[in-house]
Amino acid sequence: MTTTADESPNTTTNTTTNTTTTSSTTKELPRSNKEYGKQSYWEERFKTEEEYEWLVSYQDIKSQIQPYVHISNKILLVGCGNSSFSADLYDDGYTNITSLDYSKNVIDAMREKNCDARPDMKWICMDMTNMDGLDDQSFDVVIDKAAMDALISNEGNVWDPDQYVIDSCRKMCQHISRILVDGGYHLHISFSQIHFRKKYLLGQHNSPSLSQSGGVSDQADDEVEELIEQHFSEDGTEYCHEFGWDLKVDTLGTGGMFDHFLYAMKKRI
C-alpha cells in the first residue's frame, strides 16, 4: 500500500489512500521530532520501509507544478527518501531526473527498485546541505518535498530557531542556488506556515558572511536589518539578494485539514 501521509514534525495525523489512520500508526513515529534531523534515524528506518509519501503525491499537485517544469528540464529532487514522487515524474515524461538523499540504504534500494522500469533515472547519495559534488548551474529545476522540514524539526523555538538549523538551511539554499541555471526554479513543498518558512528561504535569519565564519550569534542588530532590507516586493514576489531568487507562494489544495504550500523560487538571470 502506498501511503500519502502527514507524518511530519508538529503533526501526528497520517492519511492513507481512502483511509484515515490514527493511533494504530503513531507507534511508528519517532519518540521526538528531533529524530527527523538525524541521518542515523533515516538509515535505520529505510532498512525496512519500502515506500512512504510525504505531505502530497505527484498527482495531488501535478497541475500546480507543471507551469514551472518543462518536459526537457534537468530535474533534481533533494531528500528523495523512498517516495514515488520522482518515479511518478519520470512516468509522466520528465525522464531527465536525479534523486538525491544522504541515506545510502534508501538510495541503494531505490536504484534497484527502478533500474529496469526507469533506466534513465539517476540516484546520488549526498547531503543536501553539502552538494559540492554537483556542478554550478547544472539543473533547471530543484524540488524539495518536505526535505527542509526534516532539518527544521530541530529548530526549537520557531521565533528564535536553533543556530545550527539556521546554518544548515542556509547551506542548503546556497547550494541549490549555485546548482540552478539562471532562470531555473527551486520548488519547495512544505506544511510550514509562510511567515516562518520564508525566513529560511529568503535568508532573513542572519548575515551569510557571519554565518560562514561562525560568528552569527554575536552579529549586531543593524547588520541583520541591513540584510533584510535587501528583500523587496516585485510583481507579487519577494527577492532574496543572498540566494539570487524571487519567491512566490501558492497554497496547495490537498483536501486535508491542514494547508500545504508551494514555495516557488526563480533564480534571476
Protein backbone atom coordinates (compact mmCIF):
# COMPACT_ATOMS: atom_id res chain seq x y z
CA MET A 1 0.00 0.00 0.00
CA THR A 2 1.25 3.43 -0.92
CA THR A 3 0.97 5.90 1.92
CA THR A 4 0.36 9.60 1.48
CA ALA A 5 0.95 10.96 4.93
CA ASP A 6 1.07 13.94 7.19
CA GLU A 7 3.72 12.34 9.33
CA SER A 8 5.70 15.49 9.76
CA PRO A 9 7.14 17.49 12.63
CA ASN A 10 4.40 19.17 14.67
CA THR A 11 1.67 16.82 13.45
CA THR A 12 0.71 13.22 14.22
CA THR A 13 -2.01 12.79 11.62
CA ASN A 14 -1.39 10.13 8.97
CA THR A 15 -3.63 9.53 5.98
CA THR A 16 -3.53 6.62 3.55
CA THR A 17 -5.31 6.15 0.27
CA ASN A 18 -9.04 6.21 1.07
CA THR A 19 -8.22 5.54 4.70
CA THR A 20 -7.55 7.66 7.75
CA THR A 21 -5.28 6.04 10.29
CA THR A 22 -4.95 7.22 13.86
CA SER A 23 -3.33 5.65 16.89
CA SER A 24 -2.56 2.40 15.07
CA THR A 25 0.26 4.12 13.16
CA THR A 26 1.51 6.58 15.73
CA LYS A 27 3.69 3.89 17.28
CA GLU A 28 5.81 4.07 14.11
CA LEU A 29 6.62 7.72 14.68
CA PRO A 30 9.87 8.69 16.39
CA ARG A 31 9.64 9.49 20.09
CA SER A 32 10.91 13.01 19.39
CA ASN A 33 10.57 15.24 16.33
CA LYS A 34 14.32 15.84 16.61
CA GLU A 35 14.88 12.32 15.28
CA TYR A 36 13.83 13.52 11.82
CA GLY A 37 17.02 15.59 11.67
CA LYS A 38 19.35 12.64 12.29
CA GLN A 39 20.89 10.64 9.49
CA SER A 40 21.04 7.57 11.74
CA TYR A 41 17.26 7.64 12.13
CA TRP A 42 16.72 7.55 8.38
CA GLU A 43 19.30 4.84 7.76
CA GLU A 44 17.56 2.62 10.29
CA ARG A 45 14.07 3.43 9.04
CA PHE A 46 14.96 2.78 5.41
CA LYS A 47 16.27 -0.70 6.23
CA THR A 48 12.71 -1.99 6.26
CA GLU A 49 10.37 0.70 4.94
CA GLU A 50 9.64 0.30 1.23
CA GLU A 51 7.66 3.42 0.41
CA TYR A 52 6.30 6.49 2.18
CA GLU A 53 4.78 9.55 0.55
CA TRP A 54 5.27 12.77 2.48
CA LEU A 55 2.61 15.50 2.52
CA VAL A 56 1.28 15.16 -1.04
CA SER A 57 1.70 12.88 -4.03
CA TYR A 58 2.74 13.96 -7.51
CA GLN A 59 -0.84 13.53 -8.76
CA ASP A 60 -2.08 15.80 -5.95
CA ILE A 61 -0.02 18.76 -7.16
CA LYS A 62 0.76 17.91 -10.76
CA SER A 63 -1.25 20.80 -12.19
CA GLN A 64 0.35 23.31 -9.83
CA ILE A 65 3.98 22.43 -10.53
CA GLN A 66 3.66 21.94 -14.30
CA PRO A 67 3.92 25.69 -15.06
CA TYR A 68 7.44 25.63 -13.61
CA VAL A 69 8.75 22.42 -15.16
CA HIS A 70 9.34 21.72 -18.86
CA ILE A 71 9.44 18.16 -20.14
CA SER A 72 13.06 18.61 -21.28
CA ASN A 73 14.31 20.11 -17.98
CA LYS A 74 17.08 18.57 -15.97
CA ILE A 75 15.48 17.99 -12.56
CA LEU A 76 16.95 17.30 -9.13
CA LEU A 77 14.85 16.02 -6.22
CA VAL A 78 16.63 16.56 -2.89
CA GLY A 79 15.87 14.43 0.16
CA CYS A 80 14.01 11.98 -2.08
CA GLY A 81 13.60 9.22 0.52
CA ASN A 82 11.52 6.25 -0.65
CA SER A 83 8.72 8.40 -2.08
CA SER A 84 7.40 7.55 -5.54
CA PHE A 85 7.42 11.26 -6.45
CA SER A 86 10.44 11.10 -8.75
CA ALA A 87 9.23 7.86 -10.36
CA ASP A 88 5.83 9.45 -11.00
CA LEU A 89 7.54 12.45 -12.61
CA TYR A 90 9.56 10.08 -14.79
CA ASP A 91 6.46 8.14 -15.84
CA ASP A 92 4.81 11.43 -16.80
CA GLY A 93 7.61 12.17 -19.25
CA TYR A 94 10.16 14.02 -17.10
CA THR A 95 12.89 11.45 -17.66
CA ASN A 96 15.93 13.68 -17.05
CA ILE A 97 15.65 13.40 -13.30
CA THR A 98 18.15 12.83 -10.49
CA SER A 99 17.14 11.87 -6.96
CA LEU A 100 19.41 12.67 -4.02
CA ASP A 101 19.40 11.55 -0.38
CA TYR A 102 22.07 11.19 2.30
CA SER A 103 20.84 7.72 3.27
CA LYS A 104 22.83 5.04 1.47
CA ASN A 105 20.19 2.47 2.37
CA VAL A 106 17.41 4.30 0.57
CA ILE A 107 19.49 5.28 -2.48
CA ASP A 108 20.61 1.67 -2.97
CA ALA A 109 17.05 0.40 -2.55
CA MET A 110 15.51 2.98 -4.89
CA ARG A 111 18.15 2.45 -7.56
CA GLU A 112 17.46 -1.29 -7.53
CA LYS A 113 13.69 -0.79 -7.46
CA ASN A 114 13.67 1.47 -10.52
CA CYS A 115 16.60 0.25 -12.62
CA ASP A 116 14.55 -1.89 -15.01
CA ALA A 117 11.36 0.15 -15.40
CA ARG A 118 13.11 3.54 -15.35
CA PRO A 119 16.65 3.00 -16.64
CA ASP A 120 17.46 6.68 -17.17
CA MET A 121 16.78 7.73 -13.58
CA LYS A 122 19.87 8.77 -11.62
CA TRP A 123 20.45 8.27 -7.89
CA ILE A 124 23.04 10.08 -5.76
CA CYS A 125 23.94 9.53 -2.11
CA MET A 126 24.77 13.05 -0.90
CA ASP A 127 23.93 15.50 1.87
CA MET A 128 21.68 18.29 0.55
CA THR A 129 23.48 20.79 2.82
CA ASN A 130 26.79 19.96 1.12
CA MET A 131 26.39 19.35 -2.61
CA ASP A 132 29.93 20.28 -3.60
CA GLY A 133 29.95 17.24 -5.87
CA LEU A 134 27.41 18.85 -8.21
CA ASP A 135 28.47 21.38 -10.84
CA ASP A 136 27.41 25.02 -10.87
CA GLN A 137 24.27 25.72 -12.93
CA SER A 138 23.73 22.04 -13.68
CA PHE A 139 19.95 21.77 -13.06
CA ASP A 140 16.93 23.57 -14.47
CA VAL A 141 14.65 22.65 -11.55
CA VAL A 142 15.38 21.57 -7.97
CA ILE A 143 12.46 20.12 -5.99
CA ASP A 144 12.28 19.77 -2.22
CA LYS A 145 9.23 17.95 -0.86
CA ALA A 146 9.43 18.06 2.95
CA ALA A 147 13.23 17.70 3.00
CA MET A 148 13.89 21.02 4.73
CA ASP A 149 11.04 20.13 7.08
CA ALA A 150 13.26 17.37 8.47
CA LEU A 151 16.09 19.84 9.10
CA ILE A 152 13.75 22.24 10.85
CA SER A 153 12.44 19.56 13.20
CA ASN A 154 15.37 20.58 15.44
CA GLU A 155 14.72 24.33 15.37
CA GLY A 156 13.19 24.55 18.86
CA ASN A 157 11.54 27.96 19.31
CA VAL A 158 10.06 29.00 15.94
CA TRP A 159 10.57 32.66 16.86
CA ASP A 160 14.23 32.11 17.77
CA PRO A 161 15.43 28.97 15.92
CA ASP A 162 18.49 26.99 16.86
CA GLN A 163 21.57 28.39 15.13
CA TYR A 164 22.63 25.02 13.75
CA VAL A 165 19.27 24.69 11.97
CA ILE A 166 19.56 28.21 10.54
CA ASP A 167 23.04 27.46 9.21
CA SER A 168 22.01 24.07 7.77
CA CYS A 169 19.04 25.56 5.90
CA ARG A 170 21.21 28.43 4.64
CA LYS A 171 23.81 25.97 3.30
CA MET A 172 21.06 24.01 1.58
CA CYS A 173 19.70 27.14 -0.13
CA GLN A 174 23.19 28.33 -1.09
CA HIS A 175 23.92 25.03 -2.81
CA ILE A 176 20.53 24.90 -4.55
CA SER A 177 21.03 28.43 -5.86
CA ARG A 178 24.53 27.55 -7.04
CA ILE A 179 23.48 24.44 -8.99
CA LEU A 180 20.41 26.11 -10.55
CA VAL A 181 20.75 27.61 -14.01
CA ASP A 182 19.86 31.27 -14.40
CA GLY A 183 16.10 31.40 -14.80
CA GLY A 184 15.73 27.99 -13.14
CA TYR A 185 13.23 27.14 -10.43
CA HIS A 186 13.51 25.81 -6.92
CA LEU A 187 10.14 24.29 -5.96
CA HIS A 188 9.75 23.85 -2.23
CA ILE A 189 6.75 21.90 -0.87
CA SER A 190 6.02 22.11 2.85
CA PHE A 191 3.40 22.19 5.58
CA SER A 192 5.33 25.01 7.27
CA GLN A 193 3.48 28.29 7.67
CA ILE A 194 4.54 31.05 5.27
CA HIS A 195 5.72 33.55 7.88
CA PHE A 196 8.25 31.12 9.33
CA ARG A 197 9.42 29.29 6.20
CA LYS A 198 10.06 32.46 4.19
CA LYS A 199 12.70 33.49 6.72
CA TYR A 200 14.76 30.48 5.74
CA LEU A 201 14.11 30.70 2.00
CA LEU A 202 14.85 34.44 1.90
CA GLY A 203 17.89 34.24 4.18
CA GLN A 204 16.36 36.55 6.73
CA HIS A 205 17.62 34.96 9.93
CA ASN A 206 21.30 36.01 9.94
CA SER A 207 24.01 37.54 7.81
CA PRO A 208 25.53 34.94 5.44
CA SER A 209 29.07 36.26 5.79
CA LEU A 210 28.97 35.97 9.55
CA SER A 211 27.22 32.60 9.33
CA GLN A 212 30.06 31.18 7.26
CA SER A 213 32.67 32.48 9.70
CA GLY A 214 30.83 31.03 12.68
CA GLY A 215 30.10 34.39 14.26
CA VAL A 216 26.41 34.78 13.58
CA SER A 217 25.38 34.62 17.21
CA ASP A 218 27.26 37.82 18.00
CA GLN A 219 26.26 39.89 14.99
CA ALA A 220 24.82 43.36 15.58
CA ASP A 221 21.12 44.04 15.13
CA ASP A 222 21.79 46.67 12.46
CA GLU A 223 23.59 44.07 10.31
CA VAL A 224 20.51 41.84 10.43
CA GLU A 225 18.30 44.77 9.44
CA GLU A 226 20.65 45.67 6.57
CA LEU A 227 20.35 42.16 5.17
CA ILE A 228 16.56 42.07 5.48
CA GLU A 229 16.26 45.43 3.74
CA GLN A 230 17.71 43.79 0.62
CA HIS A 231 14.41 41.91 0.22
CA PHE A 232 11.73 43.78 -1.65
CA SER A 233 8.41 43.15 -3.35
CA GLU A 234 8.31 42.93 -7.13
CA ASP A 235 5.18 41.90 -9.04
CA GLY A 236 3.82 39.90 -6.12
CA THR A 237 7.13 38.21 -5.35
CA GLU A 238 9.88 38.77 -2.79
CA TYR A 239 13.53 38.92 -3.78
CA CYS A 240 16.40 37.32 -1.90
CA HIS A 241 19.70 39.04 -2.63
CA GLU A 242 21.77 36.32 -1.00
CA PHE A 243 20.35 33.40 -2.99
CA GLY A 244 19.54 35.46 -6.07
CA TRP A 245 15.95 34.33 -6.48
CA ASP A 246 12.41 35.70 -6.42
CA LEU A 247 9.91 33.89 -4.21
CA LYS A 248 6.16 33.45 -4.62
CA VAL A 249 3.88 31.21 -2.56
CA ASP A 250 0.81 29.19 -3.55
CA THR A 251 -1.49 27.19 -1.28
CA LEU A 252 -1.81 23.56 -2.30
CA GLY A 253 -5.33 22.12 -2.36
CA THR A 254 -4.82 18.81 -0.60
CA GLY A 255 -8.30 18.36 0.85
CA GLY A 256 -6.83 17.69 4.29
CA MET A 257 -7.37 19.61 7.50
CA PHE A 258 -4.05 21.43 7.15
CA ASP A 259 -2.85 23.55 4.25
CA HIS A 260 0.36 22.77 2.41
CA PHE A 261 2.33 25.33 0.46
CA LEU A 262 4.30 25.51 -2.77
CA TYR A 263 7.16 28.00 -2.47
CA ALA A 264 8.39 28.72 -6.00
CA MET A 265 11.74 30.46 -6.34
CA LYS A 266 13.03 31.63 -9.70
CA LYS A 267 16.74 32.36 -9.98
CA ARG A 268 17.35 35.70 -11.61
CA ILE A 269 19.21 35.88 -14.91
